[in-house]
């Protein structure tokens, strides 16, 4: 759904540009910028494919893979930028390529429909577990980026449940982002959890701001909607 969430798309494009320019601006921030890209890109990917059920057999997987090459181009550029940043970032480039391959070929096809079946509380629990998993991995590792990818997917499903565009939900997401950033600055020891939480909350905030409406639409099960 290209262009649907204009503010989120703008933030995504700006972040990609900053990551590509990171070797000249702040090479030390490149791992965190790449992590933010994983979260936002996975959010956008899940948003573009709203099917709660995948097609039977291998058809759903094949359909997803056929579109993968175009999505992989920005990641290839990001990996090249990591190599340009210096020999010490060569491991980062490898981690990015491994993580995006895992995300596109394994994580998304396997858990996309599973996340859609979870109740809201279960989905929140899954997001919390992914945040804890991110905290247990070192920044710049492939495993951490893969979990960030899954985190972005979970955040999108959470947002799709609605109510999207509601002022209260927007303020809650904004407050979560500010709170997580504050925690990351005050307690550096918990940055591994706080920073991805802040990125996810910012992504939710941008998504909400992109669809602000006077009468928010609440998510309902198809069976409820037909009654």
N, C-alpha and C. Protein backbone atom coordinates (compact mmCIF):
# COMPACT_ATOMS: atom_id res chain seq x y z
N UNK A 1 0.83 -1.19 0.00
CA UNK A 1 0.00 0.00 0.00
C UNK A 1 0.88 1.25 0.00
N UNK A 2 1.56 1.42 -1.08
CA UNK A 2 2.53 2.49 -1.16
C UNK A 2 1.86 3.84 -1.04
N UNK A 3 2.45 4.68 -0.18
CA UNK A 3 1.93 6.02 0.00
C UNK A 3 0.75 6.11 0.93
N UNK A 4 0.33 4.98 1.52
CA UNK A 4 -0.86 4.99 2.36
C UNK A 4 -0.61 5.72 3.67
N UNK A 5 0.49 5.41 4.33
CA UNK A 5 0.84 6.06 5.59
C UNK A 5 1.95 7.07 5.29
N UNK A 6 1.55 8.26 4.92
CA UNK A 6 2.51 9.22 4.39
C UNK A 6 3.57 9.62 5.42
N UNK A 7 3.15 9.86 6.66
CA UNK A 7 4.11 10.28 7.67
C UNK A 7 5.09 9.16 7.98
N UNK A 8 4.58 7.94 8.09
CA UNK A 8 5.47 6.80 8.35
C UNK A 8 6.39 6.56 7.16
N UNK A 9 5.88 6.68 5.95
CA UNK A 9 6.72 6.51 4.77
C UNK A 9 7.82 7.56 4.71
N UNK A 10 7.47 8.79 5.09
CA UNK A 10 8.46 9.86 5.11
C UNK A 10 9.54 9.58 6.14
N UNK A 11 9.12 9.13 7.32
CA UNK A 11 10.09 8.79 8.37
C UNK A 11 10.99 7.64 7.94
N UNK A 12 10.40 6.66 7.26
CA UNK A 12 11.17 5.51 6.77
C UNK A 12 12.22 5.96 5.76
N UNK A 13 11.81 6.79 4.82
CA UNK A 13 12.76 7.28 3.82
C UNK A 13 13.85 8.13 4.43
N UNK A 14 13.48 8.98 5.39
CA UNK A 14 14.47 9.82 6.06
C UNK A 14 15.47 8.97 6.84
N UNK A 15 14.97 7.95 7.52
CA UNK A 15 15.85 7.06 8.28
C UNK A 15 16.81 6.33 7.35
N UNK A 16 16.30 5.85 6.22
CA UNK A 16 17.16 5.16 5.26
C UNK A 16 18.27 6.08 4.77
N UNK A 17 17.91 7.33 4.48
CA UNK A 17 18.93 8.29 4.05
C UNK A 17 19.97 8.55 5.12
N UNK A 18 19.53 8.66 6.38
CA UNK A 18 20.47 8.89 7.47
C UNK A 18 21.40 7.70 7.67
N UNK A 19 20.85 6.50 7.54
CA UNK A 19 21.68 5.30 7.69
C UNK A 19 22.73 5.24 6.58
N UNK A 20 22.32 5.56 5.36
CA UNK A 20 23.27 5.54 4.25
C UNK A 20 24.34 6.61 4.41
N UNK A 21 24.00 7.70 5.11
CA UNK A 21 24.97 8.77 5.33
C UNK A 21 25.73 8.61 6.64
N UNK A 22 25.41 7.58 7.41
CA UNK A 22 26.00 7.40 8.74
C UNK A 22 27.52 7.34 8.74
N UNK A 23 28.17 6.69 7.76
CA UNK A 23 29.64 6.66 7.79
C UNK A 23 30.28 8.05 7.80
N UNK A 24 29.59 9.02 7.22
CA UNK A 24 30.12 10.38 7.19
C UNK A 24 29.68 11.20 8.40
N UNK A 25 28.54 10.85 8.97
CA UNK A 25 27.98 11.64 10.07
C UNK A 25 28.35 11.06 11.43
N UNK A 26 27.96 9.82 11.65
CA UNK A 26 28.20 9.18 12.96
C UNK A 26 28.27 7.67 12.77
N UNK A 27 29.43 7.14 12.44
CA UNK A 27 29.55 5.69 12.20
C UNK A 27 29.12 4.84 13.39
N UNK A 28 29.27 5.36 14.60
CA UNK A 28 28.92 4.58 15.78
C UNK A 28 27.42 4.34 15.90
N UNK A 29 26.62 5.17 15.23
CA UNK A 29 25.17 5.02 15.28
C UNK A 29 24.62 4.09 14.20
N UNK A 30 25.49 3.61 13.33
CA UNK A 30 25.04 2.76 12.23
C UNK A 30 24.33 1.50 12.70
N UNK A 31 24.82 0.78 13.73
CA UNK A 31 24.09 -0.41 14.18
C UNK A 31 22.68 -0.10 14.67
N UNK A 32 22.52 1.02 15.39
CA UNK A 32 21.19 1.38 15.88
C UNK A 32 20.28 1.82 14.74
N UNK A 33 20.85 2.52 13.77
CA UNK A 33 20.06 2.93 12.62
C UNK A 33 19.58 1.74 11.82
N UNK A 34 20.45 0.75 11.66
CA UNK A 34 20.05 -0.47 10.95
C UNK A 34 18.94 -1.20 11.71
N UNK A 35 19.04 -1.20 13.03
CA UNK A 35 17.99 -1.85 13.83
C UNK A 35 16.65 -1.15 13.65
N UNK A 36 16.68 0.17 13.64
CA UNK A 36 15.44 0.92 13.41
C UNK A 36 14.86 0.60 12.03
N UNK A 37 15.73 0.44 11.05
CA UNK A 37 15.26 0.09 9.71
C UNK A 37 14.58 -1.27 9.70
N UNK A 38 15.12 -2.23 10.43
CA UNK A 38 14.51 -3.55 10.49
C UNK A 38 13.10 -3.47 11.06
N UNK A 39 12.93 -2.68 12.12
CA UNK A 39 11.61 -2.58 12.75
C UNK A 39 10.61 -1.91 11.83
N UNK A 40 11.00 -0.77 11.25
CA UNK A 40 10.06 -0.03 10.40
C UNK A 40 9.78 -0.79 9.11
N UNK A 41 10.81 -1.39 8.52
CA UNK A 41 10.61 -2.12 7.26
C UNK A 41 9.68 -3.31 7.47
N UNK A 42 9.83 -4.03 8.58
CA UNK A 42 8.95 -5.16 8.85
C UNK A 42 7.52 -4.68 9.10
N UNK A 43 7.38 -3.55 9.78
CA UNK A 43 6.06 -2.96 10.00
C UNK A 43 5.40 -2.66 8.65
N UNK A 44 6.14 -2.04 7.76
CA UNK A 44 5.61 -1.68 6.44
C UNK A 44 5.29 -2.93 5.62
N UNK A 45 6.13 -3.94 5.73
CA UNK A 45 5.90 -5.18 4.98
C UNK A 45 4.62 -5.85 5.43
N UNK A 46 4.41 -5.94 6.74
CA UNK A 46 3.18 -6.57 7.24
C UNK A 46 1.96 -5.73 6.89
N UNK A 47 2.13 -4.42 6.87
CA UNK A 47 1.02 -3.54 6.52
C UNK A 47 0.61 -3.74 5.06
N UNK A 48 1.58 -3.95 4.19
CA UNK A 48 1.29 -4.12 2.77
C UNK A 48 0.60 -5.44 2.49
N UNK A 49 0.71 -6.40 3.41
CA UNK A 49 0.09 -7.71 3.22
C UNK A 49 -0.85 -7.95 4.40
N UNK A 50 -2.11 -7.54 4.25
CA UNK A 50 -3.04 -7.59 5.37
C UNK A 50 -3.70 -8.96 5.54
N UNK A 51 -3.35 -9.93 4.73
CA UNK A 51 -4.01 -11.23 4.83
C UNK A 51 -3.74 -11.86 6.19
N UNK A 52 -4.79 -12.18 6.91
CA UNK A 52 -4.62 -12.85 8.21
C UNK A 52 -4.31 -14.33 8.01
N UNK A 53 -4.68 -14.88 6.87
CA UNK A 53 -4.40 -16.28 6.57
C UNK A 53 -3.55 -16.33 5.30
N UNK A 54 -2.48 -17.10 5.33
CA UNK A 54 -1.67 -17.28 4.13
C UNK A 54 -2.30 -18.34 3.25
N UNK A 55 -1.94 -18.34 1.97
CA UNK A 55 -2.47 -19.33 1.06
C UNK A 55 -1.92 -20.71 1.40
N UNK A 56 -2.69 -21.72 1.08
CA UNK A 56 -2.33 -23.08 1.47
C UNK A 56 -1.05 -23.53 0.76
N UNK A 57 -0.32 -24.42 1.42
CA UNK A 57 0.87 -25.00 0.82
C UNK A 57 1.99 -23.99 0.63
N UNK A 58 2.71 -24.19 -0.45
CA UNK A 58 3.86 -23.34 -0.73
C UNK A 58 3.49 -22.07 -1.49
N UNK A 59 2.24 -21.92 -1.88
CA UNK A 59 1.88 -20.78 -2.72
C UNK A 59 2.10 -19.45 -2.02
N UNK A 60 1.71 -19.40 -0.74
CA UNK A 60 1.91 -18.16 -0.01
C UNK A 60 3.39 -17.81 0.13
N UNK A 61 4.21 -18.83 0.41
CA UNK A 61 5.65 -18.61 0.55
C UNK A 61 6.25 -18.16 -0.78
N UNK A 62 5.85 -18.83 -1.87
CA UNK A 62 6.38 -18.48 -3.19
C UNK A 62 5.97 -17.06 -3.58
N UNK A 63 4.72 -16.71 -3.29
CA UNK A 63 4.24 -15.36 -3.60
C UNK A 63 5.06 -14.31 -2.87
N UNK A 64 5.39 -14.60 -1.63
CA UNK A 64 6.18 -13.65 -0.84
C UNK A 64 7.60 -13.54 -1.39
N UNK A 65 8.20 -14.69 -1.74
CA UNK A 65 9.58 -14.71 -2.21
C UNK A 65 9.72 -14.00 -3.55
N UNK A 66 8.71 -14.10 -4.39
CA UNK A 66 8.79 -13.47 -5.72
C UNK A 66 8.97 -11.96 -5.62
N UNK A 67 8.45 -11.36 -4.57
CA UNK A 67 8.56 -9.92 -4.40
C UNK A 67 9.78 -9.51 -3.59
N UNK A 68 10.53 -10.49 -3.09
CA UNK A 68 11.65 -10.20 -2.18
C UNK A 68 12.79 -9.41 -2.83
N UNK A 69 13.18 -9.70 -4.09
CA UNK A 69 14.35 -8.99 -4.64
C UNK A 69 14.26 -7.47 -4.56
N UNK A 70 13.10 -6.90 -4.85
CA UNK A 70 12.96 -5.45 -4.78
C UNK A 70 13.12 -4.94 -3.36
N UNK A 71 12.64 -5.72 -2.39
CA UNK A 71 12.75 -5.30 -0.99
C UNK A 71 14.17 -5.44 -0.47
N UNK A 72 14.96 -6.29 -1.11
CA UNK A 72 16.32 -6.53 -0.63
C UNK A 72 17.31 -5.47 -1.11
N UNK A 73 16.94 -4.70 -2.12
CA UNK A 73 17.87 -3.71 -2.66
C UNK A 73 18.33 -2.69 -1.62
N UNK A 74 17.42 -2.08 -0.84
CA UNK A 74 17.90 -1.12 0.18
C UNK A 74 18.81 -1.77 1.21
N UNK A 75 18.56 -3.04 1.53
CA UNK A 75 19.40 -3.72 2.52
C UNK A 75 20.79 -3.99 1.96
N UNK A 76 20.86 -4.27 0.68
CA UNK A 76 22.18 -4.43 0.06
C UNK A 76 22.97 -3.14 0.14
N UNK A 77 22.28 -2.02 -0.12
CA UNK A 77 22.93 -0.72 0.01
C UNK A 77 23.38 -0.44 1.42
N UNK A 78 22.56 -0.82 2.40
CA UNK A 78 22.93 -0.61 3.80
C UNK A 78 24.16 -1.44 4.17
N UNK A 79 24.22 -2.68 3.68
CA UNK A 79 25.37 -3.52 3.96
C UNK A 79 26.64 -2.94 3.32
N UNK A 80 26.50 -2.42 2.11
CA UNK A 80 27.65 -1.80 1.44
C UNK A 80 28.14 -0.59 2.22
N UNK A 81 27.19 0.19 2.73
CA UNK A 81 27.54 1.36 3.53
C UNK A 81 28.30 0.93 4.78
N UNK A 82 27.86 -0.18 5.39
CA UNK A 82 28.56 -0.68 6.58
C UNK A 82 30.00 -1.06 6.25
N UNK A 83 30.20 -1.63 5.07
CA UNK A 83 31.57 -1.97 4.66
C UNK A 83 32.40 -0.72 4.43
N UNK A 84 31.77 0.30 3.85
CA UNK A 84 32.48 1.55 3.60
C UNK A 84 32.88 2.23 4.91
N UNK A 85 32.06 2.01 5.94
CA UNK A 85 32.32 2.67 7.23
C UNK A 85 33.64 2.23 7.86
N UNK A 86 34.17 1.10 7.43
CA UNK A 86 35.46 0.66 7.96
C UNK A 86 35.50 -0.83 8.17
N UNK A 87 36.69 -1.39 8.32
CA UNK A 87 36.82 -2.84 8.51
C UNK A 87 36.09 -3.34 9.75
N UNK A 88 35.99 -2.50 10.78
CA UNK A 88 35.32 -2.94 12.01
C UNK A 88 33.82 -3.14 11.81
N UNK A 89 33.27 -2.60 10.72
CA UNK A 89 31.84 -2.74 10.45
C UNK A 89 31.55 -3.88 9.47
N UNK A 90 32.57 -4.64 9.11
CA UNK A 90 32.34 -5.75 8.18
C UNK A 90 31.41 -6.79 8.80
N UNK A 91 31.54 -7.01 10.09
CA UNK A 91 30.64 -7.95 10.77
C UNK A 91 29.21 -7.44 10.75
N UNK A 92 29.05 -6.12 10.83
CA UNK A 92 27.72 -5.54 10.79
C UNK A 92 27.06 -5.79 9.43
N UNK A 93 27.83 -5.63 8.37
CA UNK A 93 27.30 -5.88 7.02
C UNK A 93 26.84 -7.33 6.89
N UNK A 94 27.64 -8.25 7.40
CA UNK A 94 27.27 -9.66 7.35
C UNK A 94 26.01 -9.93 8.16
N UNK A 95 25.93 -9.31 9.34
CA UNK A 95 24.76 -9.49 10.20
C UNK A 95 23.50 -8.97 9.53
N UNK A 96 23.59 -7.84 8.85
CA UNK A 96 22.43 -7.27 8.16
C UNK A 96 21.93 -8.22 7.08
N UNK A 97 22.84 -8.74 6.28
CA UNK A 97 22.45 -9.63 5.18
C UNK A 97 21.86 -10.94 5.70
N UNK A 98 22.46 -11.49 6.76
CA UNK A 98 21.94 -12.73 7.33
C UNK A 98 20.56 -12.51 7.92
N UNK A 99 20.40 -11.41 8.65
CA UNK A 99 19.12 -11.14 9.33
C UNK A 99 18.00 -10.88 8.33
N UNK A 100 18.27 -10.12 7.28
CA UNK A 100 17.20 -9.83 6.33
C UNK A 100 16.84 -11.08 5.53
N UNK A 101 17.83 -11.93 5.27
CA UNK A 101 17.52 -13.20 4.60
C UNK A 101 16.64 -14.07 5.50
N UNK A 102 16.97 -14.12 6.78
CA UNK A 102 16.14 -14.87 7.73
C UNK A 102 14.74 -14.28 7.81
N UNK A 103 14.67 -12.95 7.85
CA UNK A 103 13.38 -12.30 7.98
C UNK A 103 12.48 -12.54 6.78
N UNK A 104 13.04 -12.40 5.59
CA UNK A 104 12.24 -12.52 4.37
C UNK A 104 11.91 -13.97 4.04
N UNK A 105 12.86 -14.88 4.25
CA UNK A 105 12.68 -16.26 3.80
C UNK A 105 12.11 -17.18 4.87
N UNK A 106 12.24 -16.80 6.14
CA UNK A 106 11.81 -17.70 7.20
C UNK A 106 10.83 -17.05 8.18
N UNK A 107 11.25 -15.95 8.78
CA UNK A 107 10.45 -15.36 9.86
C UNK A 107 9.09 -14.90 9.37
N UNK A 108 9.08 -14.11 8.30
CA UNK A 108 7.79 -13.58 7.83
C UNK A 108 6.84 -14.69 7.36
N UNK A 109 7.28 -15.60 6.48
CA UNK A 109 6.34 -16.64 6.04
C UNK A 109 5.82 -17.52 7.17
N UNK A 110 6.64 -17.72 8.21
CA UNK A 110 6.26 -18.65 9.28
C UNK A 110 5.32 -18.01 10.29
N UNK A 111 5.63 -16.77 10.72
CA UNK A 111 4.88 -16.22 11.85
C UNK A 111 3.85 -15.16 11.46
N UNK A 112 3.78 -14.79 10.18
CA UNK A 112 2.84 -13.72 9.80
C UNK A 112 1.41 -14.08 10.18
N UNK A 113 0.96 -15.27 9.80
CA UNK A 113 -0.42 -15.64 10.10
C UNK A 113 -0.60 -16.02 11.56
N UNK A 114 0.49 -16.48 12.21
CA UNK A 114 0.39 -16.83 13.63
C UNK A 114 0.15 -15.58 14.48
N UNK A 115 0.84 -14.50 14.15
CA UNK A 115 0.63 -13.25 14.89
C UNK A 115 -0.79 -12.74 14.71
N UNK A 116 -1.34 -12.93 13.52
CA UNK A 116 -2.69 -12.47 13.26
C UNK A 116 -3.74 -13.21 14.07
N UNK A 117 -3.43 -14.42 14.50
CA UNK A 117 -4.39 -15.21 15.27
C UNK A 117 -4.31 -14.94 16.77
N UNK A 118 -3.25 -14.29 17.21
CA UNK A 118 -3.10 -14.05 18.65
C UNK A 118 -4.10 -13.00 19.13
N UNK A 119 -4.65 -13.17 20.33
CA UNK A 119 -5.46 -12.08 20.91
C UNK A 119 -4.56 -10.91 21.26
N UNK A 120 -5.17 -9.78 21.54
CA UNK A 120 -4.38 -8.57 21.78
C UNK A 120 -3.41 -8.74 22.95
N UNK A 121 -3.87 -9.40 24.01
CA UNK A 121 -3.00 -9.61 25.16
C UNK A 121 -1.84 -10.54 24.81
N UNK A 122 -2.14 -11.59 24.06
CA UNK A 122 -1.08 -12.49 23.64
C UNK A 122 -0.08 -11.82 22.72
N UNK A 123 -0.58 -10.93 21.88
CA UNK A 123 0.30 -10.19 20.98
C UNK A 123 1.21 -9.26 21.76
N UNK A 124 0.66 -8.61 22.79
CA UNK A 124 1.48 -7.75 23.65
C UNK A 124 2.55 -8.57 24.36
N UNK A 125 2.19 -9.78 24.78
CA UNK A 125 3.17 -10.65 25.42
C UNK A 125 4.28 -11.06 24.47
N UNK A 126 3.92 -11.34 23.21
CA UNK A 126 4.92 -11.70 22.21
C UNK A 126 5.87 -10.53 21.96
N UNK A 127 5.33 -9.32 21.89
CA UNK A 127 6.16 -8.14 21.70
C UNK A 127 7.12 -7.96 22.87
N UNK A 128 6.62 -8.18 24.09
CA UNK A 128 7.47 -8.06 25.27
C UNK A 128 8.60 -9.09 25.24
N UNK A 129 8.28 -10.31 24.85
CA UNK A 129 9.32 -11.35 24.76
C UNK A 129 10.37 -10.99 23.71
N UNK A 130 9.93 -10.42 22.60
CA UNK A 130 10.89 -10.02 21.57
C UNK A 130 11.78 -8.88 22.06
N UNK A 131 11.21 -7.97 22.83
CA UNK A 131 12.03 -6.88 23.40
C UNK A 131 13.07 -7.44 24.36
N UNK A 132 12.66 -8.40 25.17
CA UNK A 132 13.61 -9.03 26.09
C UNK A 132 14.70 -9.76 25.30
N UNK A 133 14.29 -10.44 24.22
CA UNK A 133 15.27 -11.11 23.38
C UNK A 133 16.27 -10.14 22.77
N UNK A 134 15.78 -8.97 22.35
CA UNK A 134 16.69 -7.95 21.82
C UNK A 134 17.68 -7.51 22.89
N UNK A 135 17.20 -7.40 24.12
CA UNK A 135 18.08 -6.98 25.20
C UNK A 135 19.16 -7.98 25.53
N UNK A 136 18.90 -9.25 25.24
CA UNK A 136 19.88 -10.29 25.53
C UNK A 136 20.95 -10.41 24.46
N UNK A 137 20.71 -9.83 23.29
CA UNK A 137 21.67 -9.89 22.19
C UNK A 137 22.43 -8.57 22.10
N UNK A 138 23.65 -8.65 21.63
CA UNK A 138 24.47 -7.46 21.48
C UNK A 138 24.04 -6.66 20.26
N UNK A 139 24.14 -5.33 20.31
CA UNK A 139 23.82 -4.51 19.13
C UNK A 139 24.67 -4.91 17.93
N UNK A 140 24.03 -4.97 16.78
CA UNK A 140 24.75 -5.30 15.56
C UNK A 140 24.82 -6.78 15.25
N UNK A 141 24.21 -7.62 16.07
CA UNK A 141 24.21 -9.06 15.80
C UNK A 141 23.03 -9.44 14.92
N UNK A 142 23.23 -10.48 14.12
CA UNK A 142 22.18 -10.93 13.21
C UNK A 142 20.93 -11.38 13.99
N UNK A 143 21.14 -12.05 15.12
CA UNK A 143 20.00 -12.53 15.90
C UNK A 143 19.16 -11.36 16.41
N UNK A 144 19.83 -10.30 16.81
CA UNK A 144 19.10 -9.12 17.31
C UNK A 144 18.30 -8.46 16.18
N UNK A 145 18.90 -8.37 15.01
CA UNK A 145 18.20 -7.77 13.88
C UNK A 145 17.01 -8.63 13.46
N UNK A 146 17.18 -9.95 13.52
CA UNK A 146 16.06 -10.84 13.18
C UNK A 146 14.91 -10.65 14.16
N UNK A 147 15.23 -10.50 15.44
CA UNK A 147 14.18 -10.26 16.43
C UNK A 147 13.55 -8.88 16.23
N UNK A 148 14.35 -7.90 15.82
CA UNK A 148 13.80 -6.58 15.53
C UNK A 148 12.83 -6.65 14.35
N UNK A 149 13.14 -7.49 13.38
CA UNK A 149 12.24 -7.69 12.24
C UNK A 149 10.90 -8.27 12.71
N UNK A 150 10.98 -9.30 13.55
CA UNK A 150 9.75 -9.89 14.09
C UNK A 150 9.01 -8.89 14.97
N UNK A 151 9.75 -8.05 15.67
CA UNK A 151 9.14 -7.02 16.52
C UNK A 151 8.34 -6.03 15.69
N UNK A 152 8.89 -5.63 14.56
CA UNK A 152 8.16 -4.72 13.67
C UNK A 152 6.89 -5.35 13.13
N UNK A 153 6.95 -6.63 12.80
CA UNK A 153 5.75 -7.33 12.34
C UNK A 153 4.69 -7.36 13.43
N UNK A 154 5.11 -7.70 14.65
CA UNK A 154 4.16 -7.74 15.75
C UNK A 154 3.55 -6.38 16.04
N UNK A 155 4.38 -5.35 15.95
CA UNK A 155 3.87 -4.00 16.16
C UNK A 155 2.83 -3.60 15.13
N UNK A 156 3.02 -4.03 13.90
CA UNK A 156 2.05 -3.71 12.85
C UNK A 156 0.72 -4.42 13.09
N UNK A 157 0.78 -5.69 13.46
CA UNK A 157 -0.46 -6.42 13.74
C UNK A 157 -1.19 -5.77 14.92
N UNK A 158 -0.43 -5.36 15.93
CA UNK A 158 -1.02 -4.67 17.08
C UNK A 158 -1.72 -3.39 16.62
N UNK A 159 -1.07 -2.65 15.73
CA UNK A 159 -1.65 -1.40 15.23
C UNK A 159 -2.88 -1.66 14.36
N UNK A 160 -2.83 -2.72 13.56
CA UNK A 160 -3.96 -3.04 12.69
C UNK A 160 -5.22 -3.39 13.48
N UNK A 161 -5.04 -3.84 14.72
CA UNK A 161 -6.20 -4.16 15.54
C UNK A 161 -6.99 -2.91 15.92
N UNK A 162 -6.36 -1.75 15.79
CA UNK A 162 -7.04 -0.50 16.06
C UNK A 162 -7.17 -0.21 17.56
N UNK A 163 -7.79 0.91 17.90
CA UNK A 163 -8.36 1.89 16.97
C UNK A 163 -7.27 2.78 16.37
N UNK A 164 -7.12 2.74 15.06
CA UNK A 164 -6.09 3.55 14.43
C UNK A 164 -6.58 4.98 14.26
N UNK A 165 -5.67 5.90 14.41
CA UNK A 165 -6.00 7.31 14.26
C UNK A 165 -6.68 7.93 15.46
N UNK A 166 -6.78 7.20 16.57
CA UNK A 166 -7.41 7.74 17.77
C UNK A 166 -6.41 8.59 18.53
N UNK A 167 -6.86 9.72 19.04
CA UNK A 167 -5.96 10.63 19.75
C UNK A 167 -5.34 9.97 20.97
N UNK A 168 -6.15 9.22 21.73
CA UNK A 168 -5.64 8.56 22.92
C UNK A 168 -4.55 7.55 22.61
N UNK A 169 -4.77 6.74 21.57
CA UNK A 169 -3.77 5.75 21.18
C UNK A 169 -2.50 6.43 20.68
N UNK A 170 -2.67 7.54 19.97
CA UNK A 170 -1.51 8.29 19.48
C UNK A 170 -0.70 8.85 20.63
N UNK A 171 -1.38 9.42 21.62
CA UNK A 171 -0.69 9.96 22.79
C UNK A 171 -0.01 8.86 23.59
N UNK A 172 -0.65 7.70 23.69
CA UNK A 172 -0.05 6.59 24.43
C UNK A 172 1.23 6.12 23.75
N UNK A 173 1.19 6.01 22.42
CA UNK A 173 2.39 5.60 21.69
C UNK A 173 3.50 6.64 21.82
N UNK A 174 3.12 7.92 21.76
CA UNK A 174 4.11 8.99 21.91
C UNK A 174 4.73 8.97 23.31
N UNK A 175 3.88 8.78 24.32
CA UNK A 175 4.38 8.72 25.69
C UNK A 175 5.31 7.52 25.87
N UNK A 176 4.96 6.41 25.24
CA UNK A 176 5.83 5.24 25.31
C UNK A 176 7.19 5.51 24.70
N UNK A 177 7.20 6.22 23.57
CA UNK A 177 8.47 6.54 22.92
C UNK A 177 9.32 7.46 23.79
N UNK A 178 8.69 8.49 24.35
CA UNK A 178 9.43 9.43 25.21
C UNK A 178 9.94 8.71 26.46
N UNK A 179 9.09 7.88 27.05
CA UNK A 179 9.50 7.15 28.25
C UNK A 179 10.66 6.21 27.98
N UNK A 180 10.58 5.48 26.86
CA UNK A 180 11.65 4.53 26.54
C UNK A 180 12.96 5.25 26.23
N UNK A 181 12.88 6.37 25.52
CA UNK A 181 14.09 7.15 25.24
C UNK A 181 14.69 7.70 26.53
N UNK A 182 13.84 8.15 27.43
CA UNK A 182 14.33 8.66 28.72
C UNK A 182 15.05 7.57 29.50
N UNK A 183 14.45 6.40 29.53
CA UNK A 183 15.07 5.27 30.23
C UNK A 183 16.42 4.92 29.60
N UNK A 184 16.47 4.95 28.26
CA UNK A 184 17.72 4.62 27.58
C UNK A 184 18.82 5.63 27.91
N UNK A 185 18.45 6.89 28.08
CA UNK A 185 19.44 7.92 28.39
C UNK A 185 19.87 7.89 29.85
N UNK A 186 18.92 7.60 30.73
CA UNK A 186 19.21 7.62 32.17
C UNK A 186 19.91 6.34 32.62
N UNK A 187 19.49 5.21 32.07
CA UNK A 187 20.07 3.91 32.45
C UNK A 187 20.65 3.23 31.22
N UNK A 188 21.88 3.54 30.87
CA UNK A 188 22.49 2.93 29.67
C UNK A 188 22.50 1.41 29.69
N UNK A 189 22.44 0.81 30.88
CA UNK A 189 22.49 -0.64 30.97
C UNK A 189 21.29 -1.31 30.33
N UNK A 190 20.18 -0.59 30.22
CA UNK A 190 18.96 -1.19 29.65
C UNK A 190 18.68 -0.65 28.25
N UNK A 191 19.68 -0.07 27.61
CA UNK A 191 19.48 0.44 26.26
C UNK A 191 19.09 -0.66 25.28
N UNK A 192 19.57 -1.86 25.52
CA UNK A 192 19.26 -2.96 24.62
C UNK A 192 17.78 -3.24 24.49
N UNK A 193 17.02 -2.95 25.55
CA UNK A 193 15.57 -3.12 25.52
C UNK A 193 14.86 -1.80 25.23
N UNK A 194 15.37 -0.73 25.83
CA UNK A 194 14.68 0.56 25.74
C UNK A 194 14.71 1.14 24.33
N UNK A 195 15.82 1.00 23.64
CA UNK A 195 15.92 1.61 22.31
C UNK A 195 14.98 0.95 21.30
N UNK A 196 14.95 -0.39 21.19
CA UNK A 196 13.95 -0.96 20.26
C UNK A 196 12.52 -0.66 20.68
N UNK A 197 12.28 -0.57 22.00
CA UNK A 197 10.93 -0.20 22.45
C UNK A 197 10.58 1.21 22.00
N UNK A 198 11.55 2.12 22.10
CA UNK A 198 11.31 3.50 21.66
C UNK A 198 11.08 3.56 20.15
N UNK A 199 11.85 2.79 19.40
CA UNK A 199 11.69 2.78 17.94
C UNK A 199 10.31 2.25 17.56
N UNK A 200 9.88 1.19 18.23
CA UNK A 200 8.56 0.63 17.93
C UNK A 200 7.46 1.63 18.28
N UNK A 201 7.58 2.29 19.43
CA UNK A 201 6.57 3.27 19.82
C UNK A 201 6.55 4.46 18.86
N UNK A 202 7.71 4.88 18.39
CA UNK A 202 7.76 5.95 17.40
C UNK A 202 7.09 5.52 16.09
N UNK A 203 7.34 4.28 15.70
CA UNK A 203 6.71 3.76 14.49
C UNK A 203 5.20 3.75 14.63
N UNK A 204 4.71 3.31 15.78
CA UNK A 204 3.27 3.32 16.03
C UNK A 204 2.72 4.75 16.02
N UNK A 205 3.49 5.67 16.58
CA UNK A 205 3.06 7.07 16.60
C UNK A 205 2.92 7.62 15.18
N UNK A 206 3.92 7.37 14.35
CA UNK A 206 3.87 7.85 12.97
C UNK A 206 2.71 7.20 12.21
N UNK A 207 2.46 5.92 12.48
CA UNK A 207 1.35 5.24 11.82
C UNK A 207 0.02 5.86 12.24
N UNK A 208 -0.13 6.13 13.54
CA UNK A 208 -1.36 6.76 14.02
C UNK A 208 -1.54 8.15 13.41
N UNK A 209 -0.46 8.93 13.38
CA UNK A 209 -0.55 10.28 12.84
C UNK A 209 -0.90 10.27 11.35
N UNK A 210 -0.53 9.20 10.67
CA UNK A 210 -0.81 9.12 9.23
C UNK A 210 -2.28 8.91 8.93
N UNK A 211 -3.04 8.43 9.91
CA UNK A 211 -4.45 8.11 9.65
C UNK A 211 -5.36 8.77 10.69
N UNK A 212 -4.93 9.90 11.22
CA UNK A 212 -5.77 10.60 12.19
C UNK A 212 -7.13 10.91 11.58
N UNK A 213 -8.18 10.53 12.28
CA UNK A 213 -9.54 10.77 11.79
C UNK A 213 -10.44 11.16 12.95
N UNK A 214 -11.53 11.79 12.60
CA UNK A 214 -12.45 12.26 13.63
C UNK A 214 -13.17 11.10 14.30
N UNK A 215 -13.49 10.06 13.54
CA UNK A 215 -14.21 8.91 14.09
C UNK A 215 -13.34 7.67 13.90
N UNK A 216 -12.55 7.30 14.92
CA UNK A 216 -11.66 6.13 14.80
C UNK A 216 -12.44 4.86 14.51
N UNK A 217 -11.82 3.97 13.72
CA UNK A 217 -12.42 2.69 13.38
C UNK A 217 -11.80 1.60 14.23
N UNK A 218 -12.63 0.89 14.98
CA UNK A 218 -12.14 -0.18 15.84
C UNK A 218 -12.09 -1.49 15.07
N UNK A 219 -11.05 -2.26 15.34
CA UNK A 219 -10.89 -3.54 14.68
C UNK A 219 -11.91 -4.53 15.21
N UNK A 220 -12.50 -5.32 14.30
CA UNK A 220 -13.47 -6.34 14.70
C UNK A 220 -13.20 -7.62 13.93
N UNK A 221 -13.52 -8.73 14.56
CA UNK A 221 -13.43 -10.01 13.87
C UNK A 221 -14.44 -10.04 12.73
N UNK A 222 -14.14 -10.75 11.63
CA UNK A 222 -15.09 -10.81 10.51
C UNK A 222 -16.46 -11.32 10.94
N UNK A 223 -16.51 -12.29 11.86
CA UNK A 223 -17.80 -12.84 12.30
C UNK A 223 -18.63 -11.80 13.02
N UNK A 224 -17.94 -10.91 13.77
CA UNK A 224 -18.65 -9.85 14.48
C UNK A 224 -19.15 -8.80 13.50
N UNK A 225 -18.31 -8.51 12.49
CA UNK A 225 -18.68 -7.47 11.53
C UNK A 225 -19.89 -7.86 10.71
N UNK A 226 -20.08 -9.18 10.50
CA UNK A 226 -21.18 -9.63 9.66
C UNK A 226 -22.50 -9.71 10.42
N UNK A 227 -22.45 -9.65 11.75
CA UNK A 227 -23.67 -9.75 12.54
C UNK A 227 -24.43 -8.42 12.58
